[in-house]
Protein backbone atom coordinates (compact mmCIF):
# COMPACT_ATOMS: atom_id res chain seq x y z
CA MET A 1 108.11 286.42 69.46
CA THR A 2 107.98 284.80 66.04
CA GLU A 3 104.97 285.87 64.01
CA ILE A 4 102.90 282.98 62.68
CA VAL A 5 101.65 283.40 59.12
CA ALA A 6 97.97 282.49 59.03
CA THR A 7 97.63 282.33 55.25
CA ARG A 8 98.87 279.28 53.43
CA PRO A 9 101.06 279.84 50.38
CA VAL A 10 99.34 279.24 47.05
CA PRO A 11 100.76 277.47 44.01
CA GLY A 12 102.73 279.63 41.61
CA THR A 13 102.29 279.82 37.87
CA PRO A 14 103.60 276.64 36.20
CA ARG A 15 106.76 277.19 34.23
CA PRO A 16 106.74 276.70 30.47
CA TYR A 17 107.73 273.22 29.36
CA GLU A 18 107.79 271.32 26.11
CA PHE A 19 108.26 267.57 25.88
CA PRO A 20 111.47 267.00 23.95
CA PRO A 21 111.01 266.37 20.22
CA PHE A 22 111.76 262.90 18.91
CA ALA A 23 112.51 261.36 15.54
CA ARG A 24 110.64 258.35 14.19
CA HIS A 25 112.14 255.83 11.76
CA ARG A 26 110.83 252.55 10.43
CA LEU A 27 112.73 249.47 9.29
CA GLU A 28 111.56 247.45 6.29
CA ASN A 29 110.27 244.68 8.57
CA GLY A 30 107.97 247.18 10.31
CA LEU A 31 109.99 247.85 13.46
CA SER A 32 109.61 251.45 14.66
CA VAL A 33 112.66 253.30 15.93
CA LEU A 34 111.99 256.32 18.18
CA VAL A 35 114.97 258.47 19.15
CA VAL A 36 114.92 261.49 21.46
CA ASP A 37 118.20 263.36 21.84
CA LEU A 38 118.67 264.88 25.31
CA PRO A 39 121.89 266.93 25.28
CA GLY A 40 123.84 266.70 28.51
CA ARG A 41 122.23 263.38 29.55
CA PRO A 42 125.02 260.84 28.95
CA LEU A 43 123.15 258.03 30.73
CA VAL A 44 120.95 256.60 28.00
CA SER A 45 117.79 254.52 28.42
CA ALA A 46 116.86 252.17 25.57
CA SER A 47 113.96 249.76 25.32
CA PHE A 48 112.79 247.19 22.81
CA THR A 49 109.02 247.04 23.34
CA VAL A 50 106.56 244.78 21.57
CA ARG A 51 102.81 245.34 21.77
CA ARG A 52 102.02 241.89 23.10
CA GLY A 53 101.22 241.21 26.73
CA ALA A 54 99.33 239.03 29.15
CA ALA A 55 96.01 240.10 27.63
CA ASP A 56 97.00 238.33 24.40
CA GLU A 57 97.69 234.89 25.86
CA PRO A 58 95.14 232.04 26.07
CA ALA A 59 93.53 231.38 29.43
CA ASP A 60 95.21 228.01 29.87
CA ALA A 61 98.64 229.67 29.52
CA ALA A 62 97.98 232.56 31.93
CA GLY A 63 101.29 233.80 33.28
CA ALA A 64 103.34 232.59 30.29
CA THR A 65 104.03 236.10 28.97
CA VAL A 66 105.26 237.44 32.30
CA LEU A 67 107.38 234.36 32.93
CA ALA A 68 108.76 234.40 29.38
CA ALA A 69 109.82 238.03 29.80
CA ARG A 70 111.60 237.25 33.06
CA SER A 71 113.37 234.35 31.32
CA LEU A 72 114.83 236.50 28.52
CA SER A 73 117.82 237.41 30.68
CA GLU A 74 118.42 233.85 31.89
CA GLY A 75 120.38 232.72 28.86
CA THR A 76 120.92 233.34 25.14
CA GLU A 77 122.74 231.57 22.32
CA ARG A 78 125.94 233.44 23.20
CA PHE A 79 125.63 233.82 26.97
CA ASP A 80 124.31 231.90 29.93
CA ALA A 81 122.69 233.93 32.71
CA VAL A 82 125.94 234.66 34.56
CA ALA A 83 127.88 235.51 31.40
CA LEU A 84 125.11 237.92 30.30
CA ILE A 85 125.26 239.74 33.62
CA GLU A 86 129.04 239.92 33.44
CA ALA A 87 128.92 241.27 29.88
CA ALA A 88 126.51 243.98 31.01
CA GLU A 89 128.62 244.84 34.04
CA ARG A 90 131.72 245.27 31.86
CA LEU A 91 129.80 247.98 30.02
CA GLY A 92 128.47 249.51 33.22
CA ALA A 93 125.02 248.67 31.91
CA SER A 94 121.85 247.48 33.62
CA LEU A 95 119.60 245.04 31.74
CA HIS A 96 115.89 244.50 32.42
CA ALA A 97 113.05 242.49 30.91
CA GLU A 98 109.39 242.55 31.94
CA ALA A 99 105.85 242.14 30.71
CA GLY A 100 102.44 243.47 31.67
CA TRP A 101 98.93 243.38 30.31
CA ASP A 102 99.71 245.18 27.05
CA ALA A 103 103.39 244.83 26.22
CA THR A 104 106.67 243.04 26.76
CA SER A 105 109.99 244.88 26.86
CA ALA A 106 113.71 244.36 27.18
CA SER A 107 115.67 247.44 28.16
CA VAL A 108 119.08 248.75 29.14
CA ASP A 109 120.53 251.79 30.91
CA VAL A 110 124.10 252.64 29.87
CA VAL A 111 126.39 255.58 29.16
CA ASN A 112 126.06 256.87 25.61
CA GLU A 113 129.55 255.92 24.47
CA ARG A 114 128.74 252.25 25.07
CA LEU A 115 125.20 252.30 23.71
CA ALA A 116 125.89 250.24 20.59
CA GLU A 117 127.51 247.43 22.59
CA ALA A 118 124.69 247.50 25.15
CA LEU A 119 122.07 247.24 22.39
CA ASP A 120 123.92 244.14 21.19
CA LEU A 121 123.01 242.55 24.54
CA VAL A 122 119.40 243.65 24.22
CA ALA A 123 119.30 242.06 20.77
CA GLU A 124 120.69 238.85 22.28
CA MET A 125 117.86 238.77 24.80
CA VAL A 126 115.19 239.61 22.24
CA CYS A 127 116.30 237.62 19.20
CA ARG A 128 118.21 234.66 20.63
CA PRO A 129 116.92 233.63 24.08
CA THR A 130 117.26 229.95 24.95
CA PHE A 131 114.90 229.65 27.94
CA PRO A 132 117.11 227.20 29.91
CA ALA A 133 114.89 224.57 31.50
CA ALA A 134 116.54 224.81 34.92
CA GLU A 135 116.14 228.60 35.05
CA VAL A 136 112.53 228.41 33.86
CA GLU A 137 111.77 225.88 36.57
CA ARG A 138 113.34 228.15 39.21
CA LEU A 139 111.34 231.18 38.04
CA ARG A 140 108.16 229.11 37.91
CA ASP A 141 108.68 227.87 41.48
CA GLU A 142 109.33 231.42 42.65
CA ARG A 143 106.08 232.51 41.06
CA LEU A 144 104.14 229.67 42.64
CA ASN A 145 105.55 230.59 46.05
CA ASP A 146 104.60 234.20 45.44
CA LEU A 147 101.05 233.13 44.63
CA LEU A 148 100.85 231.26 47.93
CA GLN A 149 102.09 234.32 49.80
CA ALA A 150 99.52 236.47 48.03
CA ARG A 151 96.73 234.48 49.63
CA ALA A 152 97.91 235.67 53.04
CA ASP A 153 98.23 239.34 52.00
CA PRO A 154 94.87 241.11 52.48
CA ARG A 155 95.71 243.84 49.98
CA ARG A 156 96.62 241.44 47.20
CA ARG A 157 93.74 239.15 48.11
CA ALA A 158 91.35 242.08 47.74
CA ASP A 159 92.88 243.06 44.41
CA GLU A 160 92.54 239.59 42.89
CA ALA A 161 89.02 239.11 44.23
CA PHE A 162 87.99 242.50 42.85
CA ALA A 163 89.30 241.78 39.34
CA ASP A 164 87.74 238.33 39.44
CA THR A 165 84.41 239.92 40.40
CA ILE A 166 84.08 242.77 37.90
CA TYR A 167 85.21 240.95 34.73
CA ALA A 168 83.57 238.07 32.88
CA VAL A 169 85.34 234.72 32.99
CA GLU A 170 86.31 234.95 29.31
CA SER A 171 88.11 238.26 29.84
CA PRO A 172 91.87 238.08 30.46
CA TYR A 173 91.40 240.82 33.07
CA HIS A 174 89.39 238.33 35.11
CA ARG A 175 92.68 236.65 36.10
CA PRO A 176 96.02 238.10 37.28
CA ALA A 177 98.58 239.06 34.66
CA GLY A 178 101.11 236.73 36.26
CA GLY A 179 98.84 233.67 36.09
CA THR A 180 97.19 231.44 38.65
CA GLN A 181 98.39 228.43 40.62
CA ASP A 182 96.80 226.05 38.10
CA THR A 183 98.15 227.70 34.96
CA VAL A 184 101.64 228.59 36.19
CA ALA A 185 102.21 225.02 37.36
CA THR A 186 101.85 223.81 33.75
CA LEU A 187 104.37 226.22 32.20
CA ASP A 188 107.67 224.86 30.89
CA ARG A 189 110.44 226.13 28.64
CA ASP A 190 108.69 225.05 25.43
CA ARG A 191 105.51 226.94 26.37
CA LEU A 192 107.50 230.06 27.25
CA GLU A 193 109.57 229.90 24.08
CA GLY A 194 106.43 229.50 21.96
CA THR A 195 104.79 232.43 23.75
CA TRP A 196 107.75 234.70 23.08
CA ARG A 197 108.18 233.65 19.45
CA ARG A 198 104.53 234.48 18.76
CA ALA A 199 104.93 237.84 20.50
CA LEU A 200 108.12 238.82 18.68
CA ASP A 201 106.51 240.72 15.82
CA PRO A 202 108.56 243.67 14.52
CA GLY A 203 105.38 245.20 13.13
CA ARG A 204 104.16 245.59 16.70
CA GLY A 205 107.59 246.46 18.08
CA ALA A 206 109.59 249.60 18.71
CA LEU A 207 113.16 250.39 19.71
CA ILE A 208 113.06 253.51 21.85
CA VAL A 209 116.23 255.38 22.80
CA ALA A 210 116.46 258.50 25.00
CA GLY A 211 119.56 260.38 26.09
CA ASP A 212 122.52 262.30 24.68
CA VAL A 213 122.78 260.25 21.48
CA ALA A 214 123.68 262.85 18.86
CA ALA A 215 126.93 260.99 18.17
CA VAL A 216 125.21 257.60 17.71
CA ASP A 217 123.44 256.55 14.50
CA VAL A 218 120.66 254.73 16.29
CA PRO A 219 118.67 253.77 13.16
CA ALA A 220 121.79 252.19 11.66
CA VAL A 221 122.40 250.22 14.87
CA ALA A 222 118.76 249.12 14.87
CA GLU A 223 119.05 248.01 11.24
CA ARG A 224 122.12 245.93 12.03
CA LEU A 225 120.61 244.26 15.08
CA PHE A 226 116.91 243.85 14.30
CA ALA A 227 116.41 243.89 10.53
CA GLY A 228 116.51 240.10 10.52
CA LEU A 229 113.33 239.76 12.55
CA GLU A 230 110.57 238.36 10.37
CA PRO A 231 107.25 240.22 10.36
CA ARG A 232 104.06 238.40 11.30
CA ASP A 233 100.72 238.46 9.54
CA ALA A 234 99.68 242.10 9.69
CA SER A 235 96.02 241.14 9.58
CA GLU A 236 96.17 239.27 12.90
CA PRO A 237 94.19 241.41 15.34
CA ASP A 238 95.22 242.25 18.88
CA ARG A 239 93.23 240.18 21.38
CA ILE A 240 91.39 242.55 23.68
CA VAL A 241 88.51 241.00 25.60
CA ASP A 242 87.37 243.07 28.55
CA ASP A 243 83.73 242.15 29.15
CA GLY A 244 82.34 243.39 32.44
CA ALA A 245 80.37 241.21 34.82
CA VAL A 246 78.54 243.75 37.00
CA ASP A 247 74.98 244.86 36.17
CA GLU A 248 73.90 246.00 39.63
CA ARG A 249 75.61 246.84 42.85
CA PHE A 250 76.39 243.93 45.13
CA VAL A 251 78.79 243.07 47.94
CA ARG A 252 81.29 240.20 48.06
CA VAL A 253 82.96 239.49 51.39
CA ILE A 254 86.08 237.37 51.76
CA HIS A 255 85.72 236.32 55.38
CA ARG A 256 88.86 236.41 57.57
CA PRO A 257 87.93 235.66 61.17
CA GLY A 258 89.67 237.92 63.65
CA ALA A 259 91.03 240.39 61.08
CA VAL A 260 91.65 243.78 62.70
CA GLN A 261 91.42 245.63 59.38
CA THR A 262 89.24 245.44 56.29
CA GLU A 263 90.54 245.98 52.78
CA PHE A 264 87.77 247.26 50.55
CA ARG A 265 87.43 247.87 46.82
CA ILE A 266 84.55 249.65 45.11
CA GLY A 267 84.37 249.78 41.35
CA HIS A 268 83.55 248.43 37.94
CA ARG A 269 84.87 247.98 34.42
CA GLY A 270 86.38 251.29 33.33
CA LEU A 271 87.83 252.62 30.08
CA PRO A 272 90.67 251.93 27.66
CA ARG A 273 93.54 254.40 27.39
CA ARG A 274 92.44 255.54 23.96
CA THR A 275 89.47 257.58 25.07
CA ALA A 276 88.61 261.09 23.96
CA ASP A 277 87.85 261.89 27.61
CA PHE A 278 91.39 261.19 28.84
CA HIS A 279 92.23 264.71 30.00
CA ALA A 280 88.89 265.43 31.68
CA LEU A 281 89.06 261.96 33.23
CA SER A 282 92.53 262.75 34.59
CA VAL A 283 91.29 265.87 36.33
CA MET A 284 88.15 264.18 37.64
CA ALA A 285 90.14 261.23 39.03
CA ALA A 286 92.58 263.58 40.74
CA ILE A 287 89.73 265.40 42.47
CA LEU A 288 88.02 262.20 43.55
CA GLY A 289 90.95 260.11 44.75
CA GLY A 290 94.28 260.92 43.15
CA LEU A 291 95.64 263.72 45.35
CA PHE A 292 96.33 263.95 49.06
CA ASN A 293 93.56 266.54 49.38
CA SER A 294 91.18 264.55 47.17
CA ARG A 295 87.59 264.12 48.24
CA LEU A 296 88.01 260.51 49.32
CA ASN A 297 91.17 261.11 51.30
CA ALA A 298 89.81 264.29 52.87
CA ARG A 299 86.68 262.48 54.04
CA LEU A 300 88.06 259.10 55.11
CA ARG A 301 91.46 260.15 56.44
CA GLU A 302 91.43 263.82 57.37
CA GLU A 303 87.83 264.21 58.57
CA LYS A 304 86.97 260.74 59.91
CA GLY A 305 90.38 259.21 60.68
CA TYR A 306 89.33 255.86 59.26
CA THR A 307 92.47 255.16 57.23
CA TYR A 308 96.01 256.23 56.42
CA GLY A 309 94.96 256.84 52.84
CA ALA A 310 92.01 256.39 50.47
CA PHE A 311 92.45 256.46 46.71
CA ALA A 312 90.47 256.10 43.51
CA GLY A 313 91.23 256.04 39.82
CA PHE A 314 91.14 254.34 36.44
CA ASP A 315 93.68 251.77 35.29
CA LEU A 316 93.76 252.59 31.59
CA ARG A 317 94.96 249.68 29.44
CA ARG A 318 94.54 248.81 25.78
CA GLY A 319 91.29 247.26 26.87
CA ALA A 320 88.93 248.70 29.44
CA GLY A 321 90.79 248.40 32.72
CA PRO A 322 89.07 248.82 36.09
CA PHE A 323 87.86 251.86 37.97
CA THR A 324 88.61 251.34 41.65
CA ALA A 325 88.17 253.17 44.93
CA ARG A 326 90.12 251.54 47.75
CA ALA A 327 91.27 251.82 51.34
CA ALA A 328 92.21 249.74 54.37
CA VAL A 329 90.24 250.62 57.50
CA ASN A 330 89.84 249.33 61.04
CA THR A 331 87.25 246.56 61.23
CA GLU A 332 84.85 248.48 63.44
CA VAL A 333 84.49 251.33 60.89
CA THR A 334 84.20 249.14 57.80
CA VAL A 335 80.59 249.96 56.97
CA ALA A 336 80.90 253.64 57.88
CA ALA A 337 83.95 253.99 55.60
CA LEU A 338 82.18 252.19 52.76
CA THR A 339 79.14 254.41 53.16
CA ASP A 340 81.24 257.56 52.99
CA ALA A 341 83.24 256.32 50.00
CA VAL A 342 80.13 255.49 47.99
CA ALA A 343 78.60 258.82 48.99
CA GLU A 344 81.64 260.71 47.65
CA ILE A 345 81.46 258.92 44.32
CA GLU A 346 77.74 259.68 44.06
CA ARG A 347 78.29 263.31 45.08
CA LEU A 348 80.83 263.81 42.31
CA ARG A 349 78.20 262.71 39.81
CA ALA A 350 75.44 264.81 41.35
CA GLU A 351 77.18 268.09 42.17
CA PRO A 352 79.69 270.17 40.19
CA VAL A 353 83.18 270.43 41.62
CA THR A 354 84.29 273.79 42.94
CA ASP A 355 86.55 276.16 41.05
CA ALA A 356 89.16 275.68 43.80
CA GLU A 357 89.09 271.89 43.41
CA LEU A 358 89.40 272.18 39.64
CA ARG A 359 92.29 274.63 39.90
CA ALA A 360 94.16 272.49 42.45
CA ALA A 361 93.86 269.36 40.32
CA LYS A 362 94.92 271.08 37.11
CA ASP A 363 97.82 272.87 38.79
CA TYR A 364 99.06 269.57 40.16
CA LEU A 365 98.82 267.68 36.87
CA ILE A 366 100.37 270.50 34.89
CA GLY A 367 103.03 271.18 37.51
CA VAL A 368 104.30 267.64 38.00
CA PHE A 369 104.33 266.81 34.30
CA PRO A 370 107.84 268.22 33.63
CA LEU A 371 109.20 266.67 36.84
CA ARG A 372 108.44 263.22 35.48
CA PHE A 373 110.88 263.69 32.63
CA GLU A 374 114.03 264.92 34.31
CA THR A 375 115.91 261.72 33.38
CA PRO A 376 115.97 259.71 30.12
CA GLY A 377 114.22 256.64 31.62
CA PRO A 378 110.78 258.22 32.03
CA VAL A 379 111.12 259.94 28.66
CA ALA A 380 111.70 256.56 27.00
CA GLY A 381 108.83 255.13 29.06
CA ALA A 382 106.45 257.84 27.86
CA LEU A 383 107.37 257.16 24.24
CA SER A 384 106.83 253.47 24.89
CA GLY A 385 103.34 254.38 26.06
CA LEU A 386 102.67 256.21 22.79
CA HIS A 387 103.71 253.10 20.88
CA VAL A 388 101.81 250.59 22.99
CA HIS A 389 98.56 252.54 22.96
CA GLU A 390 99.04 253.74 19.36
CA LEU A 391 98.67 257.39 20.32
CA PRO A 392 99.55 260.31 18.03
CA ASP A 393 103.05 261.75 18.13
CA ASP A 394 101.82 265.08 19.55
CA GLU A 395 100.06 263.44 22.53
CA LEU A 396 102.74 264.47 25.01
CA ALA A 397 103.21 267.95 23.56
CA ARG A 398 99.52 268.79 23.88
CA TYR A 399 99.01 267.30 27.34
CA ARG A 400 99.40 270.45 29.43
CA PRO A 401 97.20 272.67 27.23
CA ALA A 402 94.55 269.95 27.14
CA ILE A 403 94.56 269.64 30.94
CA GLU A 404 94.36 273.43 31.28
CA ALA A 405 91.31 273.47 29.00
CA VAL A 406 89.27 271.11 31.22
CA THR A 407 86.25 272.85 32.72
CA VAL A 408 83.88 272.21 35.61
CA GLU A 409 81.31 271.08 33.04
CA ASP A 410 83.80 268.59 31.55
CA VAL A 411 84.42 267.04 34.96
CA ALA A 412 80.69 266.78 35.63
CA ARG A 413 80.10 265.14 32.25
CA VAL A 414 82.79 262.44 32.59
CA ALA A 415 81.74 261.75 36.18
CA ARG A 416 78.17 261.12 35.08
CA GLN A 417 79.24 259.04 32.09
CA HIS A 418 82.07 256.97 33.53
CA LEU A 419 81.34 256.54 37.25
CA ARG A 420 78.62 253.98 37.92
CA PRO A 421 78.21 253.50 41.68
CA GLU A 422 74.82 251.90 41.11
CA GLN A 423 76.57 249.17 39.07
CA ALA A 424 79.67 248.81 41.23
CA ALA A 425 80.99 245.72 42.94
CA VAL A 426 81.96 246.15 46.59
CA VAL A 427 84.64 243.66 47.63
CA LEU A 428 85.83 243.32 51.22
CA VAL A 429 88.51 241.20 52.82
CA GLY A 430 87.93 241.18 56.57
CA ASP A 431 86.05 239.75 59.51
CA ALA A 432 82.44 239.32 58.37
CA ASP A 433 81.41 238.32 61.90
CA ALA A 434 82.26 241.83 63.07
CA PHE A 435 80.44 243.90 60.45
CA GLY A 436 78.03 241.51 58.68
CA SER A 437 74.76 242.62 60.30
CA GLU A 438 75.58 246.31 59.88
CA LEU A 439 76.58 245.74 56.26
CA GLU A 440 73.26 244.10 55.47
CA ALA A 441 71.37 246.91 57.20
CA VAL A 442 72.78 249.71 55.01
CA GLY A 443 71.34 248.07 51.91
CA PHE A 444 74.26 248.27 49.48
CA GLY A 445 72.78 245.33 47.61
CA ARG A 446 72.98 241.55 47.51
CA VAL A 447 75.68 240.23 49.87
CA THR A 448 77.67 237.02 49.44
CA VAL A 449 80.20 235.68 51.93
CA GLU A 450 83.07 233.31 51.18
CA ARG A 451 85.59 231.67 53.39
CA ASP A 452 89.08 232.93 52.61
CA GLU A 453 90.09 229.62 51.07
CA GLY A 454 87.23 229.74 48.54
CA PRO A 455 83.45 229.91 48.17
CA VAL A 456 81.27 228.56 50.97
CA THR A 457 79.37 225.58 49.60
CA GLU A 458 76.97 224.72 52.39
CA GLY A 459 75.08 227.05 54.65
CA PRO A 460 76.21 230.28 56.32
CA LEU A 461 79.55 230.65 58.01
CA GLU A 462 79.64 229.82 61.66
CA GLY A 463 78.93 233.03 63.51
CA VAL A 464 77.75 234.86 60.39
CA GLY A 465 74.01 235.30 60.45
CA GLU A 466 71.55 234.40 57.71
CA GLU A 467 71.06 238.09 57.14
CA LEU A 468 74.20 238.15 55.01
CA GLY A 469 72.23 236.62 52.18
CA PRO A 470 72.95 233.89 49.64
CA VAL A 471 76.32 232.20 49.39
CA ASP A 472 78.09 232.24 46.04
CA ARG A 473 78.03 228.64 44.90
CA GLY A 474 78.40 229.03 41.16
CA PRO A 475 81.30 228.54 38.75
CA GLU A 476 81.66 232.31 38.54
CA GLY A 477 83.33 232.29 41.94
CA PRO A 478 86.92 233.38 42.54
CA THR A 479 89.78 232.01 40.49
CA GLU A 480 91.70 229.78 42.84
CA GLY A 481 95.22 231.02 43.46
CA ALA A 482 94.74 234.27 41.58
CA GLU A 483 96.54 237.44 42.61
CA ASP A 484 98.26 240.50 41.22
CA ALA A 485 95.08 242.09 39.94
CA GLU A 486 96.99 245.36 39.85
CA VAL A 487 94.23 247.85 40.41
CA GLU A 488 95.90 249.94 43.07
CA PRO A 489 95.69 253.64 42.20
CA VAL A 490 98.61 255.82 43.19
CA GLU A 491 98.69 259.15 41.42
CA PRO A 492 97.53 260.70 38.14
CA ALA A 493 99.54 259.56 35.14
CA GLU A 494 100.91 261.44 32.19
CA PRO A 495 99.48 260.70 28.74
CA GLY A 496 102.42 258.60 27.58
CA THR A 497 102.05 256.00 30.28
CA THR A 498 103.95 252.82 29.70
CA ALA A 499 102.38 249.54 28.82
CA ASP A 500 100.24 249.00 31.89
CA GLU A 501 99.90 252.29 33.62
CA GLY A 502 96.85 254.53 33.67
CA ILE A 503 95.18 257.33 35.53
CA ASP A 504 95.88 256.80 39.20
CA ALA A 505 97.25 253.35 38.59
CA ARG A 506 100.53 251.56 38.77
CA SER A 507 101.80 249.16 36.16
CA SER A 508 101.26 245.46 36.35
CA ARG A 509 103.78 243.32 38.05
């Protein structure tokens, strides 16, 4: 008979690891050049990143930065879209362009012996895009269709409603990074070209190259390709407006009759990436909702069976991104799941974590850190994060020791300072008829109910009792057509997160 081992294995001692050293150069026009040589990694990742994103655009042009980035590969002065793809394929290269809240980038993956030629194509995209009207119109229509689809997706509907709820109307975070139906519909090639030209500031830009590049003079290549970019006014400040809109806890329900599940979000305005509490915050977020054995997941999934997964974390941007706890649960357990989730957040503030919880979180963060950098792409991405968030060059090197130094007292302090369940918005997308009375009875705070297509303007919903409270009639209601709020936490992030990643958060679409 096979003997069953009753004792679970425990984590081993993390192996030593040092983030690879990198060299920093600077062109006369202000462009930074960061090069990390990774011997034996012939597949090179290179990225031209500029510290301008959706947070920098005016409200009436929401979505222009994301759409402009996607248009960079649709045609240049030398190549149309097909010819650019063919030129890249002849080099065995893969071109990309994207934008998020904090940055816009054009990047390439290619073998090292063809790096110079591949960077020529990146320079074409960056310096000489033409924004063909037909391609812009196609991308705009695709985005508008995506926005329509988002209205039918409960997860995305909850994300956009949550962002719309916790940020003031004047904050760019109040709307989705990719724009709304109203704003995207107005975008044309001239608006996109103007958006990109304003963003293309070498003083806010960086060329980042990672891979086996000892044989390539990257600074010389950068000088040849990008020295002609004209610097902008250095005194122009970055536009970061992140005003919160939640002073006391309240509940906002997006009513979907007959929904068998409820998507819920609990949270508030969080923190920017450049916070002195980053490492303690990372550990605290992992314990609360970033790991499989986190408190939220253990309670809502393992103990109660309410959900396939419950998560929580901070989306750290250049401005103060959101703190969010989230899950999707069966309709009949909506209020019970909410009650348990709020209780876990409050417990983390009221009671110290155990030594075992602290050790598990630190071991995970320290242990997975080297695994993130096994290929050049994530290394380049981490350096991009240093540039975008203007972090010191030793940020990645000191990450593991700083995580190891976090104490139980540190976790308790940041939980008390940065978790505010008494000032949290609770947003639900589900069938208010099924849980409305129970929701009112638990006393989470003021409750408003809206039909899925927008705010209710007259009287309560049919079948939803008066006990659900006042209906939101004001102009501070949801942004019509909004989506892509991008608050979904996934797993704890390393300190060099790219433009729009943060603790327990994915990057913006």
